């Protein structure tokens, strides 16, 4: 229960407009997923799992950066984002103030977000066909 409470407190540190932006970015993927109601539960579970992993890796990397320890590779962080953890990464970047100033990192991150948006838009146009 303590972890859930800390997670909810963490969201209060993210600005309202950033949460609104995340909400807008989630519209296309949610609408696309609605075409596959049987898969929605599995995708939601996957998203929660990879989101938790992504959040945790950002937290660990921020901690390691602060103490000069071994860091989580950017490739690993981007891999988690690509696997569906980009919403958690979006929130973690803002909450931990981590990886949000590195231009190259942000460029790759936003490329991953745009890729997810393009896939969702293609799904809404009927490719691939849900049935």
N, C-alpha and C. Protein backbone atom coordinates (compact mmCIF):
# COMPACT_ATOMS: atom_id res chain seq x y z
N UNK A 1 0.82 -1.19 0.00
CA UNK A 1 0.00 0.00 0.00
C UNK A 1 0.87 1.26 0.00
N UNK A 2 2.01 1.18 0.66
CA UNK A 2 2.91 2.34 0.70
C UNK A 2 3.39 2.71 -0.70
N UNK A 3 3.70 1.68 -1.52
CA UNK A 3 4.16 1.92 -2.88
C UNK A 3 3.10 2.62 -3.73
N UNK A 4 1.85 2.21 -3.57
CA UNK A 4 0.76 2.83 -4.31
C UNK A 4 0.61 4.29 -3.89
N UNK A 5 0.69 4.54 -2.59
CA UNK A 5 0.57 5.90 -2.07
C UNK A 5 1.71 6.77 -2.64
N UNK A 6 2.92 6.24 -2.66
CA UNK A 6 4.05 7.01 -3.20
C UNK A 6 3.86 7.26 -4.68
N UNK A 7 3.32 6.27 -5.40
CA UNK A 7 3.07 6.44 -6.83
C UNK A 7 2.05 7.53 -7.10
N UNK A 8 1.01 7.57 -6.30
CA UNK A 8 0.00 8.62 -6.46
C UNK A 8 0.56 9.98 -6.10
N UNK A 9 1.39 10.03 -5.07
CA UNK A 9 2.04 11.30 -4.70
C UNK A 9 2.97 11.76 -5.82
N UNK A 10 3.60 10.80 -6.48
CA UNK A 10 4.52 11.14 -7.56
C UNK A 10 3.78 11.84 -8.69
N UNK A 11 2.57 11.40 -8.99
CA UNK A 11 1.81 12.02 -10.06
C UNK A 11 1.47 13.46 -9.74
N UNK A 12 1.37 13.81 -8.48
CA UNK A 12 1.04 15.19 -8.14
C UNK A 12 2.20 16.12 -8.43
N UNK A 13 3.39 15.59 -8.59
CA UNK A 13 4.54 16.42 -8.93
C UNK A 13 4.58 16.75 -10.42
N UNK A 14 3.85 15.98 -11.22
CA UNK A 14 3.78 16.23 -12.65
C UNK A 14 2.72 17.28 -12.89
N UNK A 15 3.03 18.27 -13.69
CA UNK A 15 2.11 19.37 -13.93
C UNK A 15 0.85 18.91 -14.66
N UNK A 16 -0.21 19.62 -14.42
CA UNK A 16 -1.50 19.30 -15.02
C UNK A 16 -1.41 19.31 -16.54
N UNK A 17 -0.71 20.27 -17.11
CA UNK A 17 -0.64 20.34 -18.59
C UNK A 17 0.15 19.16 -19.15
N UNK A 18 1.12 18.66 -18.37
CA UNK A 18 1.86 17.48 -18.83
C UNK A 18 0.98 16.24 -18.79
N UNK A 19 0.14 16.13 -17.75
CA UNK A 19 -0.81 15.02 -17.69
C UNK A 19 -1.83 15.13 -18.82
N UNK A 20 -2.23 16.35 -19.15
CA UNK A 20 -3.16 16.55 -20.26
C UNK A 20 -2.51 16.13 -21.57
N UNK A 21 -1.24 16.47 -21.78
CA UNK A 21 -0.53 16.07 -22.98
C UNK A 21 -0.46 14.55 -23.07
N UNK A 22 -0.15 13.89 -21.95
CA UNK A 22 -0.12 12.44 -21.94
C UNK A 22 -1.49 11.87 -22.29
N UNK A 23 -2.54 12.46 -21.76
CA UNK A 23 -3.89 12.02 -22.09
C UNK A 23 -4.17 12.12 -23.57
N UNK A 24 -3.75 13.22 -24.18
CA UNK A 24 -3.94 13.39 -25.63
C UNK A 24 -3.14 12.34 -26.39
N UNK A 25 -1.91 12.09 -25.95
CA UNK A 25 -1.07 11.09 -26.63
C UNK A 25 -1.62 9.67 -26.49
N UNK A 26 -2.43 9.43 -25.49
CA UNK A 26 -3.00 8.10 -25.29
C UNK A 26 -4.30 7.89 -26.05
N UNK A 27 -4.88 8.94 -26.62
CA UNK A 27 -6.17 8.81 -27.30
C UNK A 27 -6.09 7.84 -28.47
N UNK A 28 -5.16 8.04 -29.40
CA UNK A 28 -5.06 7.16 -30.57
C UNK A 28 -4.81 5.70 -30.17
N UNK A 29 -3.82 5.43 -29.30
CA UNK A 29 -3.62 4.02 -28.92
C UNK A 29 -4.85 3.39 -28.27
N UNK A 30 -5.57 4.14 -27.44
CA UNK A 30 -6.76 3.58 -26.79
C UNK A 30 -7.86 3.31 -27.81
N UNK A 31 -8.06 4.26 -28.73
CA UNK A 31 -9.07 4.05 -29.77
C UNK A 31 -8.72 2.86 -30.66
N UNK A 32 -7.44 2.73 -31.00
CA UNK A 32 -7.01 1.60 -31.82
C UNK A 32 -7.21 0.28 -31.09
N UNK A 33 -6.87 0.27 -29.83
CA UNK A 33 -7.02 -0.95 -29.04
C UNK A 33 -8.49 -1.34 -28.88
N UNK A 34 -9.36 -0.36 -28.88
CA UNK A 34 -10.79 -0.65 -28.73
C UNK A 34 -11.31 -1.51 -29.88
N UNK A 35 -10.58 -1.56 -30.99
CA UNK A 35 -10.97 -2.41 -32.11
C UNK A 35 -10.74 -3.88 -31.82
N UNK A 36 -9.94 -4.18 -30.83
CA UNK A 36 -9.63 -5.56 -30.46
C UNK A 36 -10.00 -5.77 -28.99
N UNK A 37 -11.28 -5.84 -28.66
CA UNK A 37 -11.68 -5.95 -27.25
C UNK A 37 -11.13 -7.21 -26.56
N UNK A 38 -10.95 -8.30 -27.31
CA UNK A 38 -10.42 -9.52 -26.70
C UNK A 38 -8.96 -9.34 -26.28
N UNK A 39 -8.24 -8.53 -27.02
CA UNK A 39 -6.82 -8.32 -26.73
C UNK A 39 -6.59 -7.19 -25.72
N UNK A 40 -7.61 -6.38 -25.50
CA UNK A 40 -7.44 -5.18 -24.67
C UNK A 40 -6.93 -5.53 -23.28
N UNK A 41 -7.45 -6.60 -22.69
CA UNK A 41 -7.03 -6.97 -21.33
C UNK A 41 -5.55 -7.35 -21.31
N UNK A 42 -5.12 -8.11 -22.31
CA UNK A 42 -3.71 -8.52 -22.36
C UNK A 42 -2.79 -7.33 -22.61
N UNK A 43 -3.21 -6.47 -23.50
CA UNK A 43 -2.39 -5.29 -23.80
C UNK A 43 -2.32 -4.38 -22.58
N UNK A 44 -3.42 -4.22 -21.87
CA UNK A 44 -3.43 -3.40 -20.66
C UNK A 44 -2.50 -4.00 -19.60
N UNK A 45 -2.54 -5.31 -19.45
CA UNK A 45 -1.65 -5.97 -18.49
C UNK A 45 -0.19 -5.79 -18.90
N UNK A 46 0.07 -5.97 -20.19
CA UNK A 46 1.45 -5.77 -20.70
C UNK A 46 1.88 -4.32 -20.44
N UNK A 47 1.01 -3.37 -20.75
CA UNK A 47 1.34 -1.96 -20.56
C UNK A 47 1.64 -1.64 -19.10
N UNK A 48 0.85 -2.22 -18.20
CA UNK A 48 1.10 -2.00 -16.77
C UNK A 48 2.43 -2.59 -16.35
N UNK A 49 2.73 -3.78 -16.82
CA UNK A 49 3.98 -4.45 -16.46
C UNK A 49 5.20 -3.70 -17.00
N UNK A 50 5.17 -3.40 -18.29
CA UNK A 50 6.32 -2.70 -18.89
C UNK A 50 6.40 -1.27 -18.38
N UNK A 51 5.26 -0.67 -18.04
CA UNK A 51 5.27 0.67 -17.46
C UNK A 51 5.92 0.69 -16.09
N UNK A 52 5.59 -0.31 -15.28
CA UNK A 52 6.20 -0.42 -13.96
C UNK A 52 7.71 -0.64 -14.08
N UNK A 53 8.10 -1.50 -15.02
CA UNK A 53 9.53 -1.74 -15.25
C UNK A 53 10.23 -0.47 -15.70
N UNK A 54 9.61 0.25 -16.63
CA UNK A 54 10.21 1.48 -17.15
C UNK A 54 10.36 2.52 -16.04
N UNK A 55 9.31 2.70 -15.25
CA UNK A 55 9.36 3.66 -14.14
C UNK A 55 10.49 3.29 -13.18
N UNK A 56 10.57 2.00 -12.86
CA UNK A 56 11.58 1.53 -11.91
C UNK A 56 12.99 1.75 -12.46
N UNK A 57 13.19 1.48 -13.74
CA UNK A 57 14.51 1.70 -14.34
C UNK A 57 14.90 3.17 -14.35
N UNK A 58 13.95 4.04 -14.62
CA UNK A 58 14.24 5.48 -14.56
C UNK A 58 14.63 5.87 -13.13
N UNK A 59 13.89 5.36 -12.15
CA UNK A 59 14.19 5.69 -10.75
C UNK A 59 15.58 5.19 -10.37
N UNK A 60 15.89 3.95 -10.77
CA UNK A 60 17.22 3.40 -10.46
C UNK A 60 18.32 4.19 -11.15
N UNK A 61 18.11 4.55 -12.41
CA UNK A 61 19.13 5.29 -13.14
C UNK A 61 19.35 6.67 -12.53
N UNK A 62 18.28 7.31 -12.13
CA UNK A 62 18.41 8.63 -11.49
C UNK A 62 19.19 8.50 -10.19
N UNK A 63 18.88 7.46 -9.43
CA UNK A 63 19.58 7.23 -8.16
C UNK A 63 21.06 6.97 -8.41
N UNK A 64 21.35 6.11 -9.37
CA UNK A 64 22.73 5.77 -9.68
C UNK A 64 23.49 7.01 -10.19
N UNK A 65 22.81 7.85 -10.95
CA UNK A 65 23.46 9.08 -11.43
C UNK A 65 23.83 9.97 -10.26
N UNK A 66 22.98 10.01 -9.25
CA UNK A 66 23.23 10.85 -8.08
C UNK A 66 24.38 10.38 -7.21
N UNK A 67 24.60 9.06 -7.18
CA UNK A 67 25.66 8.54 -6.31
C UNK A 67 26.89 8.09 -7.09
N UNK A 68 26.85 8.29 -8.41
CA UNK A 68 28.00 7.93 -9.22
C UNK A 68 28.13 6.43 -9.45
N UNK A 69 27.04 5.72 -9.36
CA UNK A 69 27.05 4.27 -9.54
C UNK A 69 26.87 3.87 -10.99
N UNK A 70 26.73 2.56 -11.18
CA UNK A 70 26.55 2.02 -12.52
C UNK A 70 25.16 2.39 -13.04
N UNK A 71 25.12 2.94 -14.25
CA UNK A 71 23.89 3.47 -14.83
C UNK A 71 23.16 2.43 -15.66
N UNK A 72 21.89 2.68 -15.87
CA UNK A 72 21.07 1.90 -16.79
C UNK A 72 21.35 2.46 -18.19
N UNK A 73 21.60 1.60 -19.15
CA UNK A 73 21.94 2.09 -20.49
C UNK A 73 20.74 2.76 -21.14
N UNK A 74 21.03 3.75 -21.97
CA UNK A 74 19.97 4.42 -22.71
C UNK A 74 19.28 3.44 -23.64
N UNK A 75 20.02 2.49 -24.16
CA UNK A 75 19.43 1.47 -25.03
C UNK A 75 18.35 0.68 -24.28
N UNK A 76 18.62 0.34 -23.03
CA UNK A 76 17.65 -0.39 -22.21
C UNK A 76 16.42 0.47 -21.96
N UNK A 77 16.63 1.73 -21.61
CA UNK A 77 15.50 2.63 -21.36
C UNK A 77 14.65 2.80 -22.62
N UNK A 78 15.31 3.01 -23.75
CA UNK A 78 14.57 3.15 -25.00
C UNK A 78 13.87 1.85 -25.39
N UNK A 79 14.48 0.73 -25.09
CA UNK A 79 13.84 -0.56 -25.37
C UNK A 79 12.55 -0.71 -24.60
N UNK A 80 12.56 -0.29 -23.34
CA UNK A 80 11.34 -0.34 -22.53
C UNK A 80 10.28 0.61 -23.08
N UNK A 81 10.71 1.78 -23.51
CA UNK A 81 9.77 2.73 -24.11
C UNK A 81 9.15 2.14 -25.37
N UNK A 82 9.99 1.54 -26.21
CA UNK A 82 9.53 0.95 -27.45
C UNK A 82 8.57 -0.22 -27.20
N UNK A 83 8.81 -0.97 -26.13
CA UNK A 83 7.96 -2.11 -25.80
C UNK A 83 6.60 -1.69 -25.25
N UNK A 84 6.39 -0.39 -25.10
CA UNK A 84 5.10 0.10 -24.62
C UNK A 84 5.18 0.90 -23.34
N UNK A 85 6.38 1.10 -22.82
CA UNK A 85 6.54 1.83 -21.57
C UNK A 85 6.71 3.33 -21.75
N UNK A 86 6.45 3.82 -22.95
CA UNK A 86 6.65 5.26 -23.18
C UNK A 86 5.78 6.15 -22.30
N UNK A 87 4.52 5.77 -21.97
CA UNK A 87 3.76 6.65 -21.07
C UNK A 87 4.42 6.77 -19.69
N UNK A 88 4.92 5.65 -19.17
CA UNK A 88 5.61 5.68 -17.87
C UNK A 88 6.90 6.47 -17.97
N UNK A 89 7.60 6.34 -19.10
CA UNK A 89 8.83 7.11 -19.30
C UNK A 89 8.53 8.60 -19.34
N UNK A 90 7.44 8.96 -20.00
CA UNK A 90 7.02 10.36 -20.08
C UNK A 90 6.83 10.92 -18.67
N UNK A 91 6.11 10.17 -17.84
CA UNK A 91 5.88 10.61 -16.46
C UNK A 91 7.16 10.60 -15.64
N UNK A 92 7.97 9.56 -15.79
CA UNK A 92 9.21 9.44 -15.02
C UNK A 92 10.19 10.56 -15.35
N UNK A 93 10.28 10.92 -16.62
CA UNK A 93 11.18 12.02 -17.01
C UNK A 93 10.81 13.30 -16.28
N UNK A 94 9.55 13.53 -16.15
CA UNK A 94 9.09 14.76 -15.49
C UNK A 94 9.17 14.66 -13.97
N UNK A 95 8.81 13.51 -13.45
CA UNK A 95 8.84 13.33 -12.00
C UNK A 95 10.27 13.38 -11.45
N UNK A 96 11.16 12.61 -12.06
CA UNK A 96 12.53 12.53 -11.56
C UNK A 96 13.43 13.63 -12.12
N UNK A 97 12.89 14.40 -13.08
CA UNK A 97 13.71 15.40 -13.79
C UNK A 97 14.96 14.71 -14.33
N UNK A 98 14.69 13.64 -15.06
CA UNK A 98 15.77 12.77 -15.53
C UNK A 98 15.61 12.50 -17.01
N UNK A 99 16.69 12.66 -17.75
CA UNK A 99 16.72 12.43 -19.19
C UNK A 99 15.86 13.44 -19.94
N UNK A 100 15.44 14.48 -19.27
CA UNK A 100 14.55 15.45 -19.91
C UNK A 100 15.32 16.62 -20.54
N UNK A 101 16.61 16.71 -20.30
CA UNK A 101 17.40 17.80 -20.86
C UNK A 101 18.36 17.33 -21.95
N UNK A 102 18.53 16.02 -22.09
CA UNK A 102 19.45 15.48 -23.10
C UNK A 102 18.76 15.48 -24.45
N UNK A 103 19.22 16.35 -25.35
CA UNK A 103 18.58 16.51 -26.65
C UNK A 103 18.48 15.24 -27.46
N UNK A 104 19.58 14.51 -27.58
CA UNK A 104 19.58 13.28 -28.38
C UNK A 104 18.65 12.24 -27.76
N UNK A 105 18.66 12.13 -26.46
CA UNK A 105 17.79 11.17 -25.79
C UNK A 105 16.33 11.52 -26.04
N UNK A 106 16.01 12.79 -25.89
CA UNK A 106 14.63 13.25 -26.10
C UNK A 106 14.19 13.01 -27.54
N UNK A 107 15.10 13.21 -28.49
CA UNK A 107 14.77 13.00 -29.89
C UNK A 107 14.37 11.54 -30.14
N UNK A 108 15.14 10.62 -29.61
CA UNK A 108 14.81 9.20 -29.76
C UNK A 108 13.51 8.88 -29.03
N UNK A 109 13.35 9.41 -27.82
CA UNK A 109 12.12 9.17 -27.06
C UNK A 109 10.91 9.61 -27.86
N UNK A 110 10.92 10.84 -28.37
CA UNK A 110 9.77 11.34 -29.11
C UNK A 110 9.58 10.60 -30.43
N UNK A 111 10.65 10.09 -31.00
CA UNK A 111 10.52 9.23 -32.18
C UNK A 111 9.75 7.96 -31.84
N UNK A 112 10.03 7.39 -30.68
CA UNK A 112 9.31 6.20 -30.22
C UNK A 112 7.84 6.52 -29.99
N UNK A 113 7.56 7.65 -29.37
CA UNK A 113 6.16 8.05 -29.15
C UNK A 113 5.45 8.22 -30.49
N UNK A 114 6.10 8.88 -31.45
CA UNK A 114 5.50 9.07 -32.76
C UNK A 114 5.29 7.75 -33.49
N UNK A 115 6.20 6.81 -33.31
CA UNK A 115 6.04 5.48 -33.90
C UNK A 115 4.78 4.81 -33.35
N UNK A 116 4.59 4.88 -32.04
CA UNK A 116 3.39 4.31 -31.43
C UNK A 116 2.13 5.01 -31.95
N UNK A 117 2.20 6.31 -32.14
CA UNK A 117 1.06 7.06 -32.67
C UNK A 117 0.76 6.62 -34.11
N UNK A 118 1.81 6.44 -34.90
CA UNK A 118 1.62 6.02 -36.30
C UNK A 118 1.02 4.62 -36.38
N UNK A 119 1.47 3.72 -35.53
CA UNK A 119 0.92 2.37 -35.51
C UNK A 119 -0.56 2.41 -35.13
N UNK A 120 -0.89 3.22 -34.14
CA UNK A 120 -2.29 3.34 -33.72
C UNK A 120 -3.14 3.95 -34.83
N UNK A 121 -2.61 4.97 -35.50
CA UNK A 121 -3.35 5.60 -36.61
C UNK A 121 -3.56 4.60 -37.74
N UNK A 122 -2.55 3.80 -38.04
CA UNK A 122 -2.69 2.77 -39.09
C UNK A 122 -3.74 1.74 -38.69
N UNK A 123 -3.75 1.37 -37.43
CA UNK A 123 -4.76 0.40 -36.95
C UNK A 123 -6.16 0.98 -37.07
N UNK A 124 -6.30 2.27 -36.81
CA UNK A 124 -7.62 2.90 -36.93
C UNK A 124 -8.08 2.99 -38.38
N UNK A 125 -7.13 3.03 -39.30
CA UNK A 125 -7.47 3.07 -40.73
C UNK A 125 -7.73 1.66 -41.27
N UNK A 126 -7.58 0.66 -40.40
CA UNK A 126 -7.91 -0.69 -40.84
C UNK A 126 -6.73 -1.57 -41.17
N UNK A 127 -5.53 -1.14 -40.85
CA UNK A 127 -4.36 -1.99 -41.07
C UNK A 127 -3.63 -2.16 -39.77
N UNK A 128 -3.46 -3.33 -39.28
CA UNK A 128 -4.01 -4.58 -39.80
C UNK A 128 -5.48 -4.71 -39.41
N UNK A 129 -6.19 -5.48 -40.16
CA UNK A 129 -7.62 -5.67 -39.91
C UNK A 129 -7.85 -6.47 -38.64
N UNK A 130 -8.75 -6.01 -37.74
CA UNK A 130 -8.99 -6.74 -36.50
C UNK A 130 -9.73 -8.05 -36.72
N UNK A 131 -10.33 -8.24 -37.85
CA UNK A 131 -11.09 -9.48 -38.00
C UNK A 131 -10.90 -10.05 -39.32
